[in-house]
Amino acid sequence: MRRYLLSLLVTLLSAGFAGAADTLPRILLYTRNGLTVDGKKGYVHDNIPNSIVAIRKLGAENGFAVDVSDSASVFTDTNLARYRALVFSNTNNEILDTGEQKAALQRFLHRGGGFVGIHSACGSMRSWPWFWAMLGGSFVRHPKIQEFTIHTVERGHPSTAHLPATWRWTDEFYFLRDMPADLKPLLAGDLTTLDDPKKPADETTRPLAWYHEFEGGRCWYTTLGHRKESYSDPIFVQHILGGIKWVLARPKT
């Protein structure tokens, strides 16, 4: 009898823990690096394992569950219905294989799903204008990695509230094209401190992180995050957490 009662208690406790996990908001962390549009192997960041560890830790500490995949097969209506947000961490090039996978991503946003993009996510789907509009632009280039000055444009957002008004950071300084007019900048890189012979002469700053509402969903993106060491830096990790929290704050329909 004692053994039976002990077994029953373990079963009930396990069911309770499983039930609690099932009630957590769930995100899909997507890390695929596909081929370029002309079929060549593209650049793959060595920071991806570090980003997975960091975001899983954020989930464990902040009450959201994290699934990880680098397979485009997860982009179906049935599977995406399990998630409140998608996090594209350093994805690059062609990361979806079919028109139906693209449509599933679109429908996910239309149902109020959230999107978080990190660093080279802006180099994904370079021939798909809808993706550029959703993320906030498409990658063009970056100068050599270096330290530069960043201005915090909006300090009331969860992803920037912890940051000073002006700070120094070492990273790749990204230049994007086709940036929508409705973006709300969070961080701006100071071009006057940047060593870049190609930088535009008529600009003093460039947006480096932003957010906007898009076709029913919330989208947040940061260009920062090239160095794998960044994913153990409390400043950058808090920046990502604030973006995830912001997209999760909108109820999914």
Protein backbone atom coordinates (compact mmCIF):
# COMPACT_ATOMS: atom_id res chain seq x y z
CA MET A 1 0.00 0.00 0.00
CA ARG A 2 2.80 2.40 0.90
CA ARG A 3 4.50 1.71 -2.44
CA TYR A 4 1.21 2.32 -4.25
CA LEU A 5 0.63 5.63 -2.45
CA LEU A 6 4.17 6.75 -3.19
CA SER A 7 3.75 5.88 -6.88
CA LEU A 8 0.42 7.74 -6.98
CA LEU A 9 2.00 10.82 -5.39
CA VAL A 10 4.85 10.83 -7.94
CA THR A 11 2.33 10.51 -10.77
CA LEU A 12 0.22 13.38 -9.48
CA LEU A 13 3.25 15.61 -8.97
CA SER A 14 4.55 14.82 -12.47
CA ALA A 15 1.15 15.59 -13.95
CA GLY A 16 1.08 18.85 -12.04
CA PHE A 17 4.47 19.89 -13.33
CA ALA A 18 3.53 18.92 -16.88
CA GLY A 19 0.29 20.87 -16.59
CA ALA A 20 2.16 23.93 -15.35
CA ALA A 21 4.59 23.68 -18.29
CA ASP A 22 1.69 23.40 -20.72
CA THR A 23 0.26 26.70 -19.48
CA LEU A 24 3.47 28.64 -20.11
CA PRO A 25 3.64 30.81 -23.21
CA ARG A 26 5.76 28.92 -25.73
CA ILE A 27 8.21 30.32 -28.27
CA LEU A 28 9.91 28.68 -31.23
CA LEU A 29 13.60 29.52 -31.55
CA TYR A 30 14.51 29.09 -35.22
CA THR A 31 18.17 28.94 -36.27
CA ARG A 32 18.27 27.72 -39.87
CA ASN A 33 20.98 28.91 -42.24
CA GLY A 34 19.95 28.02 -45.78
CA LEU A 35 21.56 28.28 -49.18
CA THR A 36 21.85 31.59 -50.99
CA VAL A 37 19.36 32.38 -53.75
CA ASP A 38 21.86 31.05 -56.31
CA GLY A 39 22.29 27.78 -54.41
CA LYS A 40 25.58 28.45 -52.63
CA LYS A 41 26.36 27.82 -48.97
CA GLY A 42 26.12 31.06 -47.01
CA TYR A 43 27.85 32.32 -43.90
CA VAL A 44 26.86 30.59 -40.64
CA HIS A 45 27.41 32.42 -37.35
CA ASP A 46 29.28 30.56 -34.63
CA ASN A 47 27.12 32.34 -32.03
CA ILE A 48 24.03 30.20 -32.62
CA PRO A 49 24.76 27.61 -29.86
CA ASN A 50 25.41 30.49 -27.45
CA SER A 51 22.13 32.15 -28.38
CA ILE A 52 20.24 28.89 -27.80
CA VAL A 53 21.74 28.51 -24.32
CA ALA A 54 20.98 32.15 -23.48
CA ILE A 55 17.36 32.10 -24.66
CA ARG A 56 16.59 28.77 -23.02
CA LYS A 57 17.94 30.24 -19.78
CA LEU A 58 15.78 33.33 -20.23
CA GLY A 59 12.74 31.11 -20.68
CA ALA A 60 13.49 29.08 -17.57
CA GLU A 61 13.96 32.22 -15.49
CA ASN A 62 11.12 34.28 -16.93
CA GLY A 63 8.23 31.89 -17.40
CA PHE A 64 8.15 30.92 -21.07
CA ALA A 65 8.90 27.60 -22.75
CA VAL A 66 11.44 27.38 -25.59
CA ASP A 67 11.52 24.89 -28.45
CA VAL A 68 14.46 24.97 -30.88
CA SER A 69 14.53 23.97 -34.54
CA ASP A 70 16.54 24.52 -37.70
CA SER A 71 14.07 22.69 -39.96
CA ALA A 72 11.65 24.54 -42.21
CA SER A 73 9.19 21.67 -41.76
CA VAL A 74 8.02 23.27 -38.49
CA PHE A 75 6.30 26.02 -40.49
CA THR A 76 2.78 24.60 -40.68
CA ASP A 77 -0.42 26.12 -39.33
CA THR A 78 -0.89 23.22 -36.92
CA ASN A 79 2.60 23.45 -35.45
CA LEU A 80 2.81 27.24 -35.29
CA ALA A 81 -0.51 27.35 -33.44
CA ARG A 82 1.42 26.03 -30.41
CA TYR A 83 3.50 29.20 -30.16
CA ARG A 84 3.01 32.76 -29.01
CA ALA A 85 6.18 34.01 -30.68
CA LEU A 86 8.93 33.06 -33.10
CA VAL A 87 12.55 34.02 -32.45
CA PHE A 88 14.82 33.95 -35.50
CA SER A 89 18.35 33.86 -34.05
CA ASN A 90 21.02 34.48 -36.68
CA THR A 91 19.08 32.80 -39.45
CA ASN A 92 20.46 33.57 -42.90
CA ASN A 93 19.64 33.22 -46.59
CA GLU A 94 16.80 30.94 -47.77
CA ILE A 95 15.30 29.57 -44.55
CA LEU A 96 11.86 28.51 -45.87
CA ASP A 97 11.50 25.99 -48.68
CA THR A 98 7.94 26.27 -49.96
CA GLY A 99 5.18 28.76 -50.60
CA GLU A 100 3.02 27.02 -48.00
CA GLN A 101 5.70 27.49 -45.34
CA LYS A 102 5.79 31.19 -46.19
CA ALA A 103 2.01 31.37 -46.00
CA ALA A 104 2.05 29.65 -42.59
CA LEU A 105 4.44 32.34 -41.30
CA GLN A 106 2.16 35.06 -42.67
CA ARG A 107 -0.93 33.52 -41.11
CA PHE A 108 0.91 33.22 -37.78
CA LEU A 109 1.45 36.99 -37.76
CA HIS A 110 -2.13 37.62 -38.89
CA ARG A 111 -3.38 35.66 -35.87
CA GLY A 112 -1.46 37.97 -33.56
CA GLY A 113 1.74 35.98 -33.21
CA GLY A 114 4.97 37.72 -32.27
CA PHE A 115 8.29 37.86 -34.11
CA VAL A 116 11.76 38.53 -32.67
CA GLY A 117 14.77 38.79 -34.98
CA ILE A 118 18.38 38.77 -33.88
CA HIS A 119 21.40 39.98 -35.87
CA SER A 120 21.66 38.17 -39.23
CA ALA A 121 17.94 37.37 -39.30
CA CYS A 122 17.77 40.41 -41.61
CA GLY A 123 19.84 38.41 -44.12
CA SER A 124 17.09 35.82 -44.41
CA MET A 125 14.71 35.52 -47.37
CA ARG A 126 16.48 38.23 -49.36
CA SER A 127 14.13 37.89 -52.32
CA TRP A 128 10.86 38.12 -50.32
CA PRO A 129 9.61 41.71 -49.84
CA TRP A 130 6.97 40.66 -47.28
CA PHE A 131 9.69 39.35 -44.98
CA TRP A 132 11.66 42.60 -45.29
CA ALA A 133 8.57 44.61 -44.37
CA MET A 134 7.82 42.37 -41.40
CA LEU A 135 11.36 42.33 -39.97
CA GLY A 136 12.14 45.94 -40.85
CA GLY A 137 14.49 45.73 -43.81
CA SER A 138 16.96 43.51 -45.65
CA PHE A 139 20.70 43.22 -45.07
CA VAL A 140 23.07 45.14 -47.35
CA ARG A 141 26.51 45.16 -45.73
CA HIS A 142 28.60 45.87 -42.64
CA PRO A 143 32.08 47.33 -42.15
CA LYS A 144 34.73 45.55 -40.09
CA ILE A 145 33.74 44.59 -36.55
CA GLN A 146 34.65 47.41 -34.17
CA GLU A 147 33.60 49.44 -31.16
CA PHE A 148 31.16 52.28 -31.82
CA THR A 149 28.74 54.53 -29.97
CA ILE A 150 25.05 53.68 -29.60
CA HIS A 151 22.32 56.13 -28.60
CA THR A 152 19.26 54.74 -26.82
CA VAL A 153 16.39 56.37 -28.69
CA GLU A 154 13.49 55.04 -26.61
CA ARG A 155 14.25 54.23 -23.00
CA GLY A 156 10.69 53.33 -22.00
CA HIS A 157 10.64 50.06 -23.93
CA PRO A 158 11.28 46.77 -22.05
CA SER A 159 14.27 46.03 -24.29
CA THR A 160 16.03 49.35 -23.67
CA ALA A 161 14.88 50.52 -20.22
CA HIS A 162 18.09 49.17 -18.66
CA LEU A 163 20.40 50.99 -21.07
CA PRO A 164 22.11 54.36 -20.62
CA ALA A 165 21.37 57.22 -22.99
CA THR A 166 24.70 56.70 -24.78
CA TRP A 167 27.03 53.68 -24.60
CA ARG A 168 29.85 51.90 -26.40
CA TRP A 169 29.53 48.45 -27.95
CA THR A 170 31.63 46.16 -30.12
CA ASP A 171 29.77 44.49 -32.96
CA GLU A 172 29.05 44.51 -36.67
CA PHE A 173 27.32 47.74 -37.69
CA TYR A 174 24.57 46.66 -40.08
CA PHE A 175 23.22 48.65 -43.01
CA LEU A 176 19.78 47.57 -44.28
CA ARG A 177 17.64 48.55 -47.25
CA ASP A 178 13.87 48.72 -47.78
CA MET A 179 13.17 49.79 -44.21
CA PRO A 180 9.45 50.55 -43.66
CA ALA A 181 8.44 54.03 -42.55
CA ASP A 182 6.44 52.78 -39.56
CA LEU A 183 9.42 51.38 -37.63
CA LYS A 184 9.87 52.71 -34.09
CA PRO A 185 13.65 52.98 -33.49
CA LEU A 186 15.00 51.81 -30.16
CA LEU A 187 18.75 52.15 -30.74
CA ALA A 188 20.70 54.29 -33.18
CA GLY A 189 24.33 53.76 -34.11
CA ASP A 190 26.51 56.83 -34.26
CA LEU A 191 28.08 57.05 -37.71
CA THR A 192 30.50 59.76 -36.61
CA THR A 193 32.34 57.20 -34.46
CA LEU A 194 32.30 54.47 -37.12
CA ASP A 195 35.35 53.53 -39.17
CA ASP A 196 33.67 52.93 -42.51
CA PRO A 197 34.79 54.52 -45.81
CA LYS A 198 31.39 53.70 -47.36
CA LYS A 199 29.21 55.33 -44.70
CA PRO A 200 26.73 57.91 -46.03
CA ALA A 201 27.97 61.48 -45.76
CA ASP A 202 24.50 62.92 -45.17
CA GLU A 203 23.63 60.83 -42.07
CA THR A 204 24.90 60.95 -38.49
CA THR A 205 23.01 57.95 -37.09
CA ARG A 206 21.42 54.73 -38.30
CA PRO A 207 18.74 52.61 -36.55
CA LEU A 208 20.16 49.43 -35.02
CA ALA A 209 17.07 48.07 -33.22
CA TRP A 210 13.36 48.73 -33.61
CA TYR A 211 9.82 47.44 -33.23
CA HIS A 212 6.44 47.84 -34.91
CA GLU A 213 2.98 46.34 -35.22
CA PHE A 214 2.65 44.41 -38.47
CA GLU A 215 -0.44 42.83 -40.06
CA GLY A 216 -1.91 41.82 -36.72
CA GLY A 217 1.32 40.77 -34.96
CA ARG A 218 4.16 42.39 -33.06
CA CYS A 219 7.69 42.44 -34.48
CA TRP A 220 10.96 43.35 -32.74
CA TYR A 221 14.44 43.21 -34.21
CA THR A 222 18.02 44.02 -33.20
CA THR A 223 21.01 44.15 -35.53
CA LEU A 224 23.34 43.52 -32.58
CA GLY A 225 24.65 40.12 -31.55
CA HIS A 226 27.50 39.05 -33.84
CA ARG A 227 29.96 38.00 -31.15
CA LYS A 228 29.17 34.78 -29.31
CA GLU A 229 30.35 36.46 -26.11
CA SER A 230 27.41 38.86 -26.37
CA TYR A 231 25.01 36.08 -25.37
CA SER A 232 26.50 35.96 -21.89
CA ASP A 233 26.59 39.76 -21.55
CA PRO A 234 23.78 40.90 -19.19
CA ILE A 235 23.26 44.10 -21.19
CA PHE A 236 22.60 42.26 -24.44
CA VAL A 237 20.68 39.37 -22.87
CA GLN A 238 18.34 41.84 -21.15
CA HIS A 239 17.89 43.58 -24.50
CA ILE A 240 16.70 40.32 -26.07
CA LEU A 241 14.49 39.47 -23.09
CA GLY A 242 12.74 42.83 -23.36
CA GLY A 243 12.01 42.19 -27.03
CA ILE A 244 10.55 38.76 -26.27
CA LYS A 245 8.45 40.16 -23.42
CA TRP A 246 7.11 42.93 -25.63
CA VAL A 247 5.94 40.58 -28.40
CA LEU A 248 4.44 38.17 -25.84
CA ALA A 249 2.47 40.96 -24.19
CA ARG A 250 -0.03 41.02 -27.04
CA PRO A 251 -2.69 38.28 -26.75
CA LYS A 252 -2.65 35.89 -29.69
CA THR A 253 -6.03 35.64 -31.46
